[in-house]
Amino acid sequence: MKPFFRLIRIKNLLIIAATQYLMRYAILNPILKSIDISHGNDIVNMTELSMQMSGFQFLCLVFATCFITAAGYVINDYFDTKTDLINRPSSVVVGKTLSRRMVMVIHIVLNTIGIGFGFFVSFSIGKPLFGFVFVFVTGLLWFYSTTYKRQFLIGNLLVAFLTGMVPFMVAAFEIPPLLKEYASVLVNYKISLFPIVLWIGGFSFFAFFLTLIRELIKDMEDFKGDKAFGRKSVPVVLGLKGAKLMVLTLISVTLLALLSVGFLYLKTGISLVYISLVIILPMLILAIKLIRTENSRGFHNLSNFTKIIMLAGVGYAGIAWYIFMH
């Protein structure tokens, strides 16, 4: 089972599941509970809005996301076997531990299960067309592995976009049932659910930029294999210096956004301390180390370090929950 878990990146899937559960229970639910449903002395016969998706429906959404993501990892490894034999030969599973035919079967099964879960949860919330989102993502991941990954920057942007969608899917699937259930209340008491979009959108923004940064660093790590097979990755086209400059620019934009949000909106002491010490400081260290790094091993370590920063960003959901509930 170990080769299979390595193929589907089980650790990444657990992070995805944890992210979506944090968005639901640490961000969305506390925001709903914090909404004051009152108008003068007139108080509605309920104390708070409540989530409309059941625990099982939400689990199906998480399963859909994870299964389709796993299928994406599988097909990516399937088409990347040759370059991986150069860049990271010890981690190659396709064609060694698992046959190429078996890997393709696994890909098809995972996609089928993921799309099935996606359509089930879409129908259950009364939005059947949402199910086609999962079909669309499946197609994007296929074309990413076969085409987009070999093109300049397009593959990096696609992966970053899909990663940013992971937290936002929680809002996208929860808000329509909320609007339907509480339509009259929201209108009569002029209540907006936009804060949910803003908060979860902030996590999506952070996930997008950190993923794009990490993808570019991974391309630097894979420079040798990508160049050997004629791929137009950013480091191959612009050189390592050009790729570093792009990453440093992205880090600067992310830091500017974090500082702006932190000091303009998240003014609580615990927020500023967490963001400063756990996110901003590590990003500055990342920038300094990136400038000094020149070899594949060093870029690999920076890629892992970027993932830790991403996890720290997701971890801020716990701080947000504390703020909402106190």
Protein backbone atom coordinates (compact mmCIF):
# COMPACT_ATOMS: atom_id res chain seq x y z
CA MET A 1 0.00 0.00 0.00
CA LYS A 2 2.94 2.35 0.57
CA PRO A 3 3.63 2.88 -3.18
CA PHE A 4 -0.08 3.59 -3.72
CA PHE A 5 -0.17 6.16 -0.91
CA ARG A 6 2.97 7.76 -2.34
CA LEU A 7 1.33 7.87 -5.78
CA ILE A 8 -1.80 9.68 -4.53
CA ARG A 9 0.18 11.92 -2.11
CA ILE A 10 -1.82 10.83 0.93
CA LYS A 11 -0.28 13.55 3.13
CA ASN A 12 -1.38 16.26 0.72
CA LEU A 13 -4.89 14.81 0.61
CA LEU A 14 -5.10 14.90 4.40
CA ILE A 15 -4.02 18.56 4.31
CA ILE A 16 -6.75 19.30 1.74
CA ALA A 17 -9.39 17.59 3.88
CA ALA A 18 -8.19 19.42 7.01
CA THR A 19 -8.26 22.74 5.14
CA GLN A 20 -11.86 22.31 4.06
CA TYR A 21 -12.98 21.24 7.52
CA LEU A 22 -11.21 24.24 9.04
CA MET A 23 -12.93 26.57 6.58
CA ARG A 24 -16.30 25.10 7.53
CA TYR A 25 -15.98 24.86 11.30
CA ALA A 26 -13.39 27.55 12.13
CA ILE A 27 -14.48 30.25 9.66
CA LEU A 28 -17.93 29.76 8.13
CA ASN A 29 -19.78 28.42 11.17
CA PRO A 30 -18.45 31.04 13.66
CA ILE A 31 -19.31 33.85 11.21
CA LEU A 32 -22.88 32.55 11.00
CA LYS A 33 -23.10 32.36 14.78
CA SER A 34 -21.79 35.89 15.14
CA ILE A 35 -24.48 37.45 12.91
CA ASP A 36 -26.89 39.54 14.98
CA ILE A 37 -30.39 38.81 13.72
CA SER A 38 -32.19 41.76 15.26
CA HIS A 39 -33.77 45.04 14.32
CA GLY A 40 -34.26 47.44 17.16
CA ASN A 41 -36.31 45.62 19.77
CA ASP A 42 -37.60 43.12 17.25
CA ILE A 43 -35.67 39.85 17.54
CA VAL A 44 -36.27 36.94 15.19
CA ASN A 45 -37.39 33.66 16.74
CA MET A 46 -33.94 32.19 16.45
CA THR A 47 -30.62 33.20 17.90
CA GLU A 48 -28.33 32.39 14.98
CA LEU A 49 -28.04 31.22 11.42
CA SER A 50 -26.90 27.64 11.00
CA MET A 51 -25.09 25.69 8.30
CA GLN A 52 -27.43 23.95 5.87
CA MET A 53 -25.24 21.17 4.50
CA SER A 54 -25.32 18.07 6.68
CA GLY A 55 -22.13 16.52 7.96
CA PHE A 56 -22.52 13.71 5.43
CA GLN A 57 -23.06 16.11 2.53
CA PHE A 58 -19.94 18.02 3.48
CA LEU A 59 -17.96 14.79 3.81
CA CYS A 60 -19.00 13.94 0.25
CA LEU A 61 -17.71 17.35 -0.90
CA VAL A 62 -14.38 16.67 0.81
CA PHE A 63 -14.24 13.19 -0.73
CA ALA A 64 -14.97 14.62 -4.18
CA THR A 65 -12.16 17.14 -3.81
CA CYS A 66 -9.67 14.59 -2.49
CA PHE A 67 -10.43 11.81 -4.98
CA ILE A 68 -10.17 14.12 -7.99
CA THR A 69 -6.96 15.65 -6.61
CA ALA A 70 -5.54 12.16 -6.08
CA ALA A 71 -6.42 11.26 -9.68
CA GLY A 72 -4.57 14.41 -10.77
CA TYR A 73 -1.45 13.33 -8.90
CA VAL A 74 -1.65 9.88 -10.48
CA ILE A 75 -1.97 11.08 -14.08
CA ASN A 76 0.77 13.64 -13.51
CA ASP A 77 3.17 10.91 -12.39
CA TYR A 78 2.05 8.76 -15.33
CA PHE A 79 3.14 11.36 -17.89
CA ASP A 80 6.14 12.58 -15.88
CA THR A 81 7.91 9.23 -15.55
CA LYS A 82 10.82 10.07 -17.86
CA THR A 83 11.64 13.43 -16.29
CA ASP A 84 11.16 12.04 -12.79
CA LEU A 85 13.74 9.34 -13.54
CA ILE A 86 16.21 12.22 -13.96
CA ASN A 87 14.97 14.61 -11.27
CA ARG A 88 13.96 12.20 -8.50
CA PRO A 89 14.62 8.57 -9.53
CA SER A 90 14.20 7.12 -6.03
CA SER A 91 10.59 8.31 -5.77
CA VAL A 92 9.33 6.94 -9.10
CA VAL A 93 6.44 4.48 -8.70
CA VAL A 94 4.99 4.30 -12.23
CA GLY A 95 6.55 1.52 -14.25
CA LYS A 96 8.47 0.22 -11.24
CA THR A 97 6.29 -0.75 -8.30
CA LEU A 98 3.04 -0.27 -10.23
CA SER A 99 2.60 -1.01 -13.94
CA ARG A 100 1.58 1.82 -16.25
CA ARG A 101 -1.68 0.05 -17.05
CA MET A 102 -2.52 -0.30 -13.35
CA VAL A 103 -1.74 3.37 -12.78
CA MET A 104 -4.15 4.37 -15.56
CA VAL A 105 -6.86 2.15 -14.05
CA ILE A 106 -6.30 3.79 -10.67
CA HIS A 107 -6.62 7.22 -12.32
CA ILE A 108 -9.94 6.32 -13.95
CA VAL A 109 -11.36 4.79 -10.77
CA LEU A 110 -10.38 7.76 -8.60
CA ASN A 111 -11.88 10.23 -11.09
CA THR A 112 -15.10 8.23 -11.36
CA ILE A 113 -15.52 8.11 -7.58
CA GLY A 114 -14.67 11.79 -7.20
CA ILE A 115 -17.12 12.92 -9.90
CA GLY A 116 -19.77 10.63 -8.39
CA PHE A 117 -19.39 12.27 -4.98
CA GLY A 118 -19.38 15.68 -6.65
CA PHE A 119 -22.68 15.13 -8.45
CA PHE A 120 -24.25 13.60 -5.34
CA VAL A 121 -23.52 16.64 -3.17
CA SER A 122 -24.48 19.01 -6.01
CA PHE A 123 -27.89 17.36 -6.44
CA SER A 124 -28.40 17.17 -2.67
CA ILE A 125 -28.06 20.97 -2.26
CA GLY A 126 -30.29 21.65 -5.25
CA LYS A 127 -27.49 22.79 -7.58
CA PRO A 128 -26.99 19.87 -10.02
CA LEU A 129 -24.97 21.99 -12.46
CA PHE A 130 -22.28 22.36 -9.78
CA GLY A 131 -21.43 18.73 -10.48
CA PHE A 132 -19.92 19.71 -13.81
CA VAL A 133 -17.29 21.72 -11.92
CA PHE A 134 -15.72 18.41 -10.92
CA VAL A 135 -15.84 17.14 -14.51
CA PHE A 136 -14.20 20.39 -15.65
CA VAL A 137 -11.45 20.11 -13.02
CA THR A 138 -10.80 16.51 -14.06
CA GLY A 139 -10.28 17.68 -17.63
CA LEU A 140 -8.02 20.53 -16.54
CA LEU A 141 -5.82 18.15 -14.56
CA TRP A 142 -5.55 15.81 -17.55
CA PHE A 143 -4.54 18.63 -19.91
CA TYR A 144 -2.19 20.01 -17.26
CA SER A 145 -0.29 16.71 -17.21
CA THR A 146 -0.28 16.25 -20.99
CA THR A 147 0.10 19.82 -22.25
CA TYR A 148 -0.08 22.80 -19.90
CA LYS A 149 2.77 21.64 -17.65
CA ARG A 150 5.12 21.84 -20.60
CA GLN A 151 4.14 25.43 -21.44
CA PHE A 152 5.55 28.61 -19.99
CA LEU A 153 3.84 29.52 -16.68
CA ILE A 154 0.38 28.20 -17.71
CA GLY A 155 0.73 24.97 -15.74
CA ASN A 156 1.98 26.82 -12.65
CA LEU A 157 -0.98 29.23 -12.74
CA LEU A 158 -3.44 26.36 -13.22
CA VAL A 159 -2.16 24.42 -10.20
CA ALA A 160 -2.17 27.59 -8.10
CA PHE A 161 -5.75 28.38 -9.18
CA LEU A 162 -7.02 24.88 -8.38
CA THR A 163 -5.28 24.95 -4.99
CA GLY A 164 -6.88 28.30 -4.25
CA MET A 165 -10.26 26.78 -5.05
CA VAL A 166 -9.89 24.13 -2.33
CA PRO A 167 -10.93 26.41 0.55
CA PHE A 168 -13.34 28.42 -1.60
CA MET A 169 -15.35 25.31 -2.50
CA VAL A 170 -16.64 25.32 1.08
CA ALA A 171 -18.25 28.73 0.61
CA ALA A 172 -19.41 27.95 -2.92
CA PHE A 173 -21.38 24.90 -1.77
CA GLU A 174 -22.64 26.24 1.57
CA ILE A 175 -23.86 29.71 0.58
CA PRO A 176 -26.58 28.67 -1.96
CA PRO A 177 -28.49 26.55 0.62
CA LEU A 178 -28.10 29.38 3.15
CA LEU A 179 -29.55 31.89 0.69
CA LYS A 180 -32.47 29.59 0.00
CA GLU A 181 -33.23 28.79 3.66
CA TYR A 182 -32.85 32.31 5.05
CA ALA A 183 -33.88 34.39 2.02
CA SER A 184 -36.56 36.41 3.82
CA VAL A 185 -34.43 36.92 6.95
CA LEU A 186 -31.44 38.10 4.94
CA VAL A 187 -33.56 40.60 3.02
CA ASN A 188 -35.72 41.86 5.91
CA TYR A 189 -32.81 42.36 8.29
CA LYS A 190 -30.31 43.46 5.63
CA ILE A 191 -27.87 40.67 6.47
CA SER A 192 -25.00 39.92 4.09
CA LEU A 193 -23.12 36.66 3.79
CA PHE A 194 -20.30 38.49 2.02
CA PRO A 195 -18.02 38.30 5.11
CA ILE A 196 -17.89 34.53 4.52
CA VAL A 197 -16.69 35.15 0.97
CA LEU A 198 -14.11 37.69 2.17
CA TRP A 199 -12.67 35.49 4.90
CA ILE A 200 -12.50 32.26 2.92
CA GLY A 201 -11.43 34.24 -0.15
CA GLY A 202 -8.48 35.51 1.87
CA PHE A 203 -7.34 31.95 2.53
CA SER A 204 -7.81 31.16 -1.18
CA PHE A 205 -5.71 34.19 -2.13
CA PHE A 206 -2.92 33.06 0.19
CA ALA A 207 -3.13 29.47 -1.11
CA PHE A 208 -2.93 30.70 -4.70
CA PHE A 209 0.21 32.80 -4.22
CA LEU A 210 2.03 30.33 -1.97
CA THR A 211 1.27 27.49 -4.38
CA LEU A 212 2.50 29.53 -7.34
CA ILE A 213 5.69 30.32 -5.41
CA ARG A 214 6.17 26.66 -4.54
CA GLU A 215 5.49 25.49 -8.09
CA LEU A 216 8.15 27.84 -9.45
CA ILE A 217 10.64 26.66 -6.84
CA LYS A 218 9.85 23.04 -7.76
CA ASP A 219 10.54 23.92 -11.39
CA MET A 220 13.97 25.19 -10.31
CA GLU A 221 14.51 21.87 -8.56
CA ASP A 222 13.50 20.03 -11.76
CA PHE A 223 15.51 22.31 -14.05
CA LYS A 224 17.85 19.56 -15.27
CA GLY A 225 15.15 17.09 -16.33
CA ASP A 226 12.85 19.76 -17.79
CA LYS A 227 15.68 21.17 -19.91
CA ALA A 228 16.67 17.69 -21.10
CA PHE A 229 13.13 17.03 -22.41
CA GLY A 230 12.58 20.48 -23.90
CA ARG A 231 9.97 21.73 -21.44
CA LYS A 232 9.35 25.47 -21.38
CA SER A 233 9.29 25.88 -17.62
CA VAL A 234 10.02 29.32 -16.18
CA PRO A 235 13.62 28.45 -15.14
CA VAL A 236 14.32 26.93 -18.57
CA VAL A 237 12.98 29.97 -20.44
CA LEU A 238 14.15 32.75 -18.12
CA GLY A 239 17.05 31.01 -16.42
CA LEU A 240 17.40 30.46 -12.70
CA LYS A 241 18.02 34.17 -12.04
CA GLY A 242 14.88 35.16 -13.92
CA ALA A 243 12.83 32.52 -12.09
CA LYS A 244 14.19 33.69 -8.75
CA LEU A 245 13.26 37.29 -9.58
CA MET A 246 9.70 36.18 -10.39
CA VAL A 247 9.42 34.28 -7.10
CA LEU A 248 10.83 37.20 -5.11
CA THR A 249 8.26 39.47 -6.75
CA LEU A 250 5.46 37.09 -5.78
CA ILE A 251 6.79 36.92 -2.21
CA SER A 252 6.82 40.73 -2.08
CA VAL A 253 3.23 40.96 -3.31
CA THR A 254 2.10 38.35 -0.77
CA LEU A 255 3.93 40.10 2.07
CA LEU A 256 2.42 43.45 1.09
CA ALA A 257 -1.06 41.92 1.07
CA LEU A 258 -0.51 40.25 4.45
CA LEU A 259 0.78 43.46 6.01
CA SER A 260 -2.12 45.45 4.60
CA VAL A 261 -4.77 43.02 5.80
CA GLY A 262 -3.04 42.49 9.12
CA PHE A 263 -2.69 46.12 10.11
CA LEU A 264 -5.89 47.45 8.49
CA TYR A 265 -8.38 44.73 9.36
CA LEU A 266 -6.92 42.08 11.68
CA LYS A 267 -5.95 44.47 14.44
CA THR A 268 -6.14 42.05 17.37
CA GLY A 269 -2.81 41.39 19.08
CA ILE A 270 -2.96 37.63 18.63
CA SER A 271 -3.54 38.03 14.88
CA LEU A 272 -0.65 40.43 14.40
CA VAL A 273 1.72 38.27 16.44
CA TYR A 274 0.72 35.08 14.57
CA ILE A 275 0.94 36.63 11.12
CA SER A 276 4.21 38.40 11.87
CA LEU A 277 6.07 35.51 13.50
CA VAL A 278 4.54 32.43 11.87
CA ILE A 279 3.94 33.65 8.31
CA ILE A 280 5.73 36.90 7.44
CA LEU A 281 9.06 36.08 9.14
CA PRO A 282 9.32 32.62 7.49
CA MET A 283 8.52 34.21 4.11
CA LEU A 284 11.38 36.67 4.58
CA ILE A 285 13.66 33.75 5.45
CA LEU A 286 12.41 31.95 2.33
CA ALA A 287 13.33 34.97 0.19
CA ILE A 288 16.83 35.20 1.68
CA LYS A 289 17.48 31.47 1.28
CA LEU A 290 16.17 31.52 -2.29
CA ILE A 291 18.68 34.18 -3.29
CA ARG A 292 21.53 32.02 -1.94
CA THR A 293 20.36 28.63 -3.26
CA GLU A 294 21.84 27.26 -6.47
CA ASN A 295 21.42 23.46 -6.43
CA SER A 296 18.53 21.01 -6.78
CA ARG A 297 18.76 19.78 -3.20
CA GLY A 298 18.54 23.33 -1.89
CA PHE A 299 15.47 24.08 -4.02
CA HIS A 300 13.87 20.86 -2.76
CA ASN A 301 14.34 22.02 0.82
CA LEU A 302 12.86 25.43 -0.04
CA SER A 303 9.86 23.73 -1.63
CA ASN A 304 9.22 21.84 1.62
CA PHE A 305 9.74 25.04 3.61
CA THR A 306 7.12 26.77 1.44
CA LYS A 307 4.67 23.98 2.21
CA ILE A 308 5.23 24.58 5.94
CA ILE A 309 4.41 28.27 5.43
CA MET A 310 1.24 27.24 3.59
CA LEU A 311 0.25 25.05 6.53
CA ALA A 312 0.91 27.98 8.86
CA GLY A 313 -1.44 30.08 6.73
CA VAL A 314 -4.16 27.45 7.00
CA GLY A 315 -3.46 27.27 10.73
CA TYR A 316 -4.56 30.89 11.09
CA ALA A 317 -8.11 29.54 10.83
CA GLY A 318 -7.69 28.41 14.42
CA ILE A 319 -6.79 31.97 15.46
CA ALA A 320 -9.80 33.28 13.52
CA TRP A 321 -12.06 30.81 15.32
CA TYR A 322 -10.78 32.06 18.67
CA ILE A 323 -11.44 35.67 17.65
CA PHE A 324 -14.96 34.93 16.43
CA MET A 325 -15.90 32.96 19.53
CA HIS A 326 -14.56 35.48 22.10
